[in-house]
Amino acid sequence: MEKNSFELMKLLEGYKLEVYTCTSGFKTIGIGTNLERSGIEDTWKKLGLIEDLEAVLNGELISETTAKLLFNADWEWCIKKADERASKLGLSYKSMPEWHRFILADIVYNTGSINKWSKVLKNTTPKDVLIEARRTPHKLMDTRVCKIGYYYKLISSIEHARKIGLTYSKYLV
């Protein structure tokens, strides 16, 4: 896992230790872990989480450790999918800069796939990657991509973001 992924995703996604309903209508916890997805019971057992899943679904809080474990499991899956897609395109995911890998994994985290985003994989300049990354199917906002760019020091200000084409950026981390 990337060294700053958990903290940055907390800023981008939000973070709750109690169940909430996400914008897609699913019971969710931590940093966007869907508790209604197929295989969640197996994931819960595999991670050896101490909280009872049924109790959590009924309102019991989880610990920060549990939130991190759930996020790490989800994030590792996203990295795997981004790496697989890069390999199919003849690219080396592991040799890309950390900021580029984060953006690719973030697209998978938010859309479930990277298959349609070859330009994000193939582009190498921060400007081109950031511009393409904002074109995900769920219309990730310029602000999110701007925050990622700012976090990795690819963007210095909102004005800089707008100059490179992130026209709807509203704020930075």
Protein backbone atom coordinates (compact mmCIF):
# COMPACT_ATOMS: atom_id res chain seq x y z
CA MET A 1 0.00 0.00 0.00
CA GLU A 2 1.16 3.54 -0.72
CA LYS A 3 2.45 5.27 2.38
CA ASN A 4 -0.16 8.08 2.49
CA SER A 5 -3.17 6.36 0.96
CA PHE A 6 -5.23 5.97 4.14
CA GLU A 7 -4.87 9.59 5.24
CA LEU A 8 -5.46 11.05 1.78
CA MET A 9 -8.48 8.84 1.18
CA LYS A 10 -9.91 9.96 4.54
CA LEU A 11 -9.77 13.51 3.21
CA LEU A 12 -11.20 12.61 -0.19
CA GLU A 13 -13.89 10.12 0.82
CA GLY A 14 -14.77 11.04 4.36
CA TYR A 15 -14.44 8.69 7.28
CA LYS A 16 -17.00 7.25 9.66
CA LEU A 17 -16.72 4.53 12.28
CA GLU A 18 -20.47 3.94 12.14
CA VAL A 19 -22.62 2.67 9.30
CA TYR A 20 -23.96 5.29 6.93
CA THR A 21 -25.76 5.13 3.61
CA CYS A 22 -23.53 6.18 0.71
CA THR A 23 -24.72 8.21 -2.28
CA SER A 24 -25.39 4.94 -4.15
CA GLY A 25 -27.69 3.75 -1.35
CA PHE A 26 -25.46 1.07 0.20
CA LYS A 27 -24.65 0.58 3.88
CA THR A 28 -21.06 1.75 4.15
CA ILE A 29 -18.41 2.21 6.85
CA GLY A 30 -14.91 3.55 7.32
CA ILE A 31 -13.60 5.05 4.10
CA GLY A 32 -16.33 3.87 1.78
CA THR A 33 -16.32 0.12 2.48
CA ASN A 34 -19.58 -1.26 1.08
CA LEU A 35 -21.04 -3.60 3.71
CA GLU A 36 -23.62 -4.94 1.26
CA ARG A 37 -21.21 -6.14 -1.41
CA SER A 38 -20.81 -9.78 -2.28
CA GLY A 39 -18.18 -11.49 -0.14
CA ILE A 40 -18.08 -8.96 2.70
CA GLU A 41 -18.60 -11.75 5.25
CA ASP A 42 -15.56 -13.61 3.88
CA THR A 43 -13.48 -10.42 3.93
CA TRP A 44 -14.55 -9.76 7.52
CA LYS A 45 -13.46 -13.27 8.57
CA LYS A 46 -10.25 -13.23 6.54
CA LEU A 47 -9.18 -9.98 8.19
CA GLY A 48 -10.01 -11.40 11.63
CA LEU A 49 -12.02 -8.35 12.63
CA ILE A 50 -13.11 -8.37 16.25
CA GLU A 51 -16.43 -6.59 15.72
CA ASP A 52 -19.48 -8.64 14.83
CA LEU A 53 -20.59 -7.74 11.29
CA GLU A 54 -24.28 -8.06 12.12
CA ALA A 55 -23.86 -5.78 15.15
CA VAL A 56 -22.00 -3.24 13.02
CA LEU A 57 -24.80 -3.33 10.43
CA ASN A 58 -27.16 -2.54 13.30
CA GLY A 59 -25.22 0.49 14.51
CA GLU A 60 -22.22 -0.74 16.52
CA LEU A 61 -19.09 1.33 15.95
CA ILE A 62 -15.89 -0.13 14.52
CA SER A 63 -12.40 0.73 15.72
CA GLU A 64 -9.95 2.79 13.70
CA THR A 65 -7.87 -0.40 13.35
CA THR A 66 -10.84 -2.14 11.73
CA ALA A 67 -11.41 0.85 9.43
CA LYS A 68 -7.76 0.72 8.35
CA LEU A 69 -7.86 -3.04 7.77
CA LEU A 70 -11.02 -2.75 5.66
CA PHE A 71 -9.57 0.15 3.68
CA ASN A 72 -6.25 -1.64 3.14
CA ALA A 73 -8.05 -4.71 1.80
CA ASP A 74 -10.11 -2.59 -0.59
CA TRP A 75 -7.11 -0.49 -1.62
CA GLU A 76 -4.92 -3.53 -2.31
CA TRP A 77 -7.64 -4.86 -4.63
CA CYS A 78 -7.68 -1.50 -6.44
CA ILE A 79 -3.91 -1.55 -6.83
CA LYS A 80 -4.09 -5.09 -8.20
CA LYS A 81 -6.70 -4.07 -10.79
CA ALA A 82 -4.70 -0.99 -11.84
CA ASP A 83 -1.53 -3.11 -12.12
CA GLU A 84 -3.32 -5.75 -14.21
CA ARG A 85 -4.65 -3.13 -16.63
CA ALA A 86 -1.24 -1.48 -16.94
CA SER A 87 0.32 -4.87 -17.73
CA LYS A 88 -2.26 -5.52 -20.47
CA LEU A 89 -1.19 -2.22 -22.04
CA GLY A 90 2.50 -3.12 -21.77
CA LEU A 91 3.11 -0.63 -18.96
CA SER A 92 4.81 -1.10 -15.61
CA TYR A 93 2.53 0.11 -12.84
CA LYS A 94 5.23 -0.40 -10.22
CA SER A 95 7.66 1.94 -11.99
CA MET A 96 5.14 4.79 -12.26
CA PRO A 97 5.52 7.66 -9.78
CA GLU A 98 3.53 7.27 -6.55
CA TRP A 99 1.12 10.09 -7.49
CA HIS A 100 0.28 8.34 -10.77
CA ARG A 101 -0.31 4.99 -9.06
CA PHE A 102 -2.52 6.70 -6.47
CA ILE A 103 -4.68 8.34 -9.15
CA LEU A 104 -5.11 5.01 -10.96
CA ALA A 105 -6.03 3.14 -7.76
CA ASP A 106 -8.39 6.00 -6.82
CA ILE A 107 -10.24 5.63 -10.13
CA VAL A 108 -10.69 1.90 -9.43
CA TYR A 109 -11.80 2.71 -5.85
CA ASN A 110 -14.51 5.03 -7.15
CA THR A 111 -15.61 3.26 -10.32
CA GLY A 112 -14.69 -0.40 -9.80
CA SER A 113 -12.59 -0.53 -12.95
CA ILE A 114 -9.72 1.10 -14.85
CA ASN A 115 -10.42 -0.66 -18.16
CA LYS A 116 -11.74 2.39 -20.00
CA TRP A 117 -9.04 4.74 -18.77
CA SER A 118 -6.05 3.90 -20.97
CA LYS A 119 -5.18 7.59 -21.39
CA VAL A 120 -4.76 7.97 -17.63
CA LEU A 121 -2.38 5.00 -17.68
CA LYS A 122 -0.45 6.02 -20.79
CA ASN A 123 -0.02 9.73 -20.07
CA THR A 124 3.10 10.58 -18.14
CA THR A 125 2.93 14.30 -17.42
CA PRO A 126 1.09 15.34 -14.26
CA LYS A 127 -1.10 17.81 -16.20
CA ASP A 128 -2.28 15.19 -18.72
CA VAL A 129 -2.86 12.54 -16.07
CA LEU A 130 -4.86 14.93 -13.87
CA ILE A 131 -6.97 16.16 -16.79
CA GLU A 132 -7.77 12.60 -17.93
CA ALA A 133 -8.39 11.35 -14.37
CA ARG A 134 -11.26 13.76 -13.88
CA ARG A 135 -13.14 12.11 -16.77
CA THR A 136 -14.16 8.97 -14.93
CA PRO A 137 -17.65 7.51 -15.47
CA HIS A 138 -18.90 8.85 -12.16
CA LYS A 139 -17.67 12.32 -13.11
CA LEU A 140 -15.09 12.66 -10.37
CA MET A 141 -15.01 16.37 -9.81
CA ASP A 142 -12.09 18.56 -10.69
CA THR A 143 -11.89 19.39 -6.99
CA ARG A 144 -11.05 15.77 -6.08
CA VAL A 145 -8.35 15.53 -8.74
CA CYS A 146 -7.09 18.96 -7.68
CA LYS A 147 -6.81 17.77 -4.06
CA ILE A 148 -4.78 14.74 -5.15
CA GLY A 149 -2.53 16.96 -7.27
CA TYR A 150 -2.07 19.40 -4.42
CA TYR A 151 -1.33 16.61 -1.95
CA TYR A 152 1.43 15.28 -4.21
CA LYS A 153 2.71 18.82 -4.97
CA LEU A 154 1.72 18.63 -8.65
CA ILE A 155 -0.53 21.67 -8.24
CA SER A 156 0.46 24.70 -6.20
CA SER A 157 -2.85 26.57 -5.98
CA ILE A 158 -6.42 26.73 -7.24
CA GLU A 159 -5.25 29.25 -9.84
CA HIS A 160 -2.60 26.78 -11.01
CA ALA A 161 -5.24 24.03 -11.20
CA ARG A 162 -7.48 26.23 -13.32
CA LYS A 163 -4.59 27.14 -15.64
CA ILE A 164 -4.02 23.46 -16.44
CA GLY A 165 -7.70 22.86 -17.11
CA LEU A 166 -9.23 21.85 -13.78
CA THR A 167 -11.77 24.62 -14.17
CA TYR A 168 -14.22 23.66 -11.44
CA SER A 169 -11.77 23.32 -8.57
CA LYS A 170 -13.19 24.89 -5.45
CA TYR A 171 -10.74 24.11 -2.68
CA LEU A 172 -7.61 22.20 -1.80
CA VAL A 173 -6.66 19.92 1.08
